[in-house]
Amino acid sequence: MVARVRAGESLDAVARSLHKCRRNLARTMLELGVVVPTTHQRKKLRAFEIIARYNGGESQRTLAREYGVTHVAINHTIRIHRDAYKAEVEDAL
C-alpha cells in the first residue's frame, strides 16, 4: 500500500481497492511517515498545453480522461488561463 501511494496512485483509489476508509488509510500513512500528496499537488494541470490541445480540436472530455480529471476541471483551466495563453502566443509572433 505504501509503494502504491509513493508511486502516485491516489489515496482514494488505494483505499477503495483495500475496502478501507480513506481517513483511516491517511492516518496509517501519516503514522508510517509517508507523505501523501494532496489532490492539488498531484494534478497540477499544464494549462497552456491543455489549451493548445483544445484549440487543436481535442474535446474537453478526451483531455479530461488523459489527465485523469473531470471535464469540468479542464473547462475551468481553459477559462482561467485563456487570456494568458493568447498573450503568450501573440508575443511569440
Protein backbone atom coordinates (compact mmCIF):
# COMPACT_ATOMS: atom_id res chain seq x y z
CA MET A 1 0.00 0.00 0.00
CA VAL A 2 2.85 2.41 0.79
CA ALA A 3 4.55 1.64 -2.51
CA ARG A 4 1.32 2.31 -4.40
CA VAL A 5 0.87 5.74 -2.80
CA ARG A 6 4.53 6.63 -3.33
CA ALA A 7 4.18 5.59 -6.97
CA GLY A 8 1.49 8.25 -7.36
CA GLU A 9 -1.71 6.26 -7.02
CA SER A 10 -4.36 8.28 -5.24
CA LEU A 11 -5.17 7.57 -1.64
CA ASP A 12 -8.82 7.20 -2.62
CA ALA A 13 -8.01 4.52 -5.20
CA VAL A 14 -5.84 2.56 -2.76
CA ALA A 15 -8.47 2.80 -0.02
CA ARG A 16 -11.22 1.62 -2.37
CA SER A 17 -9.18 -1.36 -3.56
CA LEU A 18 -8.46 -2.39 0.04
CA HIS A 19 -12.07 -1.74 1.14
CA LYS A 20 -10.81 0.72 3.74
CA CYS A 21 -11.88 4.19 4.78
CA ARG A 22 -9.71 6.90 3.18
CA ARG A 23 -9.36 8.70 6.50
CA ASN A 24 -8.04 5.59 8.29
CA LEU A 25 -5.62 4.91 5.45
CA ALA A 26 -4.40 8.51 5.58
CA ARG A 27 -3.84 8.20 9.33
CA THR A 28 -1.90 4.97 8.82
CA MET A 29 0.25 6.61 6.16
CA LEU A 30 0.95 9.52 8.49
CA GLU A 31 1.94 7.14 11.30
CA LEU A 32 4.32 5.38 8.88
CA GLY A 33 5.86 8.72 7.94
CA VAL A 34 4.62 8.59 4.35
CA VAL A 35 3.95 12.00 2.83
CA VAL A 36 0.71 11.80 0.89
CA PRO A 37 0.44 14.49 -1.77
CA THR A 38 -2.82 16.35 -1.88
CA THR A 39 -5.02 16.07 -4.92
CA HIS A 40 -4.00 19.57 -5.95
CA GLN A 41 -0.30 18.70 -5.84
CA ARG A 42 -0.77 15.51 -7.85
CA LYS A 43 -2.93 17.06 -10.52
CA LYS A 44 -1.31 20.33 -11.41
CA LEU A 45 -2.58 20.77 -14.91
CA ARG A 46 -0.35 22.13 -17.60
CA ALA A 47 -2.70 24.90 -18.63
CA PHE A 48 -1.02 26.08 -21.84
CA GLU A 49 -0.61 22.53 -23.09
CA ILE A 50 -4.29 21.82 -22.42
CA ILE A 51 -5.41 25.00 -24.17
CA ALA A 52 -3.22 24.30 -27.20
CA ARG A 53 -4.60 20.78 -27.49
CA TYR A 54 -8.16 22.03 -27.03
CA ASN A 55 -7.62 24.68 -29.71
CA GLY A 56 -6.20 21.90 -31.88
CA GLY A 57 -9.55 20.12 -31.81
CA GLU A 58 -9.40 17.72 -28.87
CA SER A 59 -12.55 17.61 -26.75
CA GLN A 60 -12.62 18.54 -23.10
CA ARG A 61 -13.76 15.02 -22.21
CA THR A 62 -10.85 13.46 -24.11
CA LEU A 63 -8.40 15.75 -22.34
CA ALA A 64 -10.05 15.01 -19.00
CA ARG A 65 -9.63 11.27 -19.49
CA GLU A 66 -5.97 11.68 -20.39
CA TYR A 67 -5.17 13.97 -17.45
CA GLY A 68 -7.26 11.97 -15.00
CA VAL A 69 -9.58 14.81 -14.05
CA THR A 70 -13.16 15.79 -14.81
CA HIS A 71 -14.17 17.72 -17.90
CA VAL A 72 -15.27 20.48 -15.50
CA ALA A 73 -11.63 20.84 -14.32
CA ILE A 74 -10.48 21.06 -17.95
CA ASN A 75 -13.13 23.68 -18.70
CA HIS A 76 -12.09 25.66 -15.61
CA THR A 77 -8.41 25.51 -16.60
CA ILE A 78 -9.22 26.75 -20.10
CA ARG A 79 -11.37 29.63 -18.83
CA ILE A 80 -8.86 30.76 -16.20
CA HIS A 81 -5.74 30.65 -18.38
CA ARG A 82 -7.14 31.52 -21.83
CA ASP A 83 -6.11 35.19 -21.79
CA ALA A 84 -2.57 34.45 -20.61
CA TYR A 85 -2.26 31.82 -23.33
CA LYS A 86 -3.43 34.26 -26.01
CA ALA A 87 -0.92 36.88 -24.84
CA GLU A 88 1.90 34.31 -24.89
CA VAL A 89 1.01 33.22 -28.42
CA GLU A 90 0.78 36.82 -29.65
CA ASP A 91 4.17 37.66 -28.11
CA ALA A 92 5.72 34.66 -29.87
CA LEU A 93 4.54 36.02 -33.23
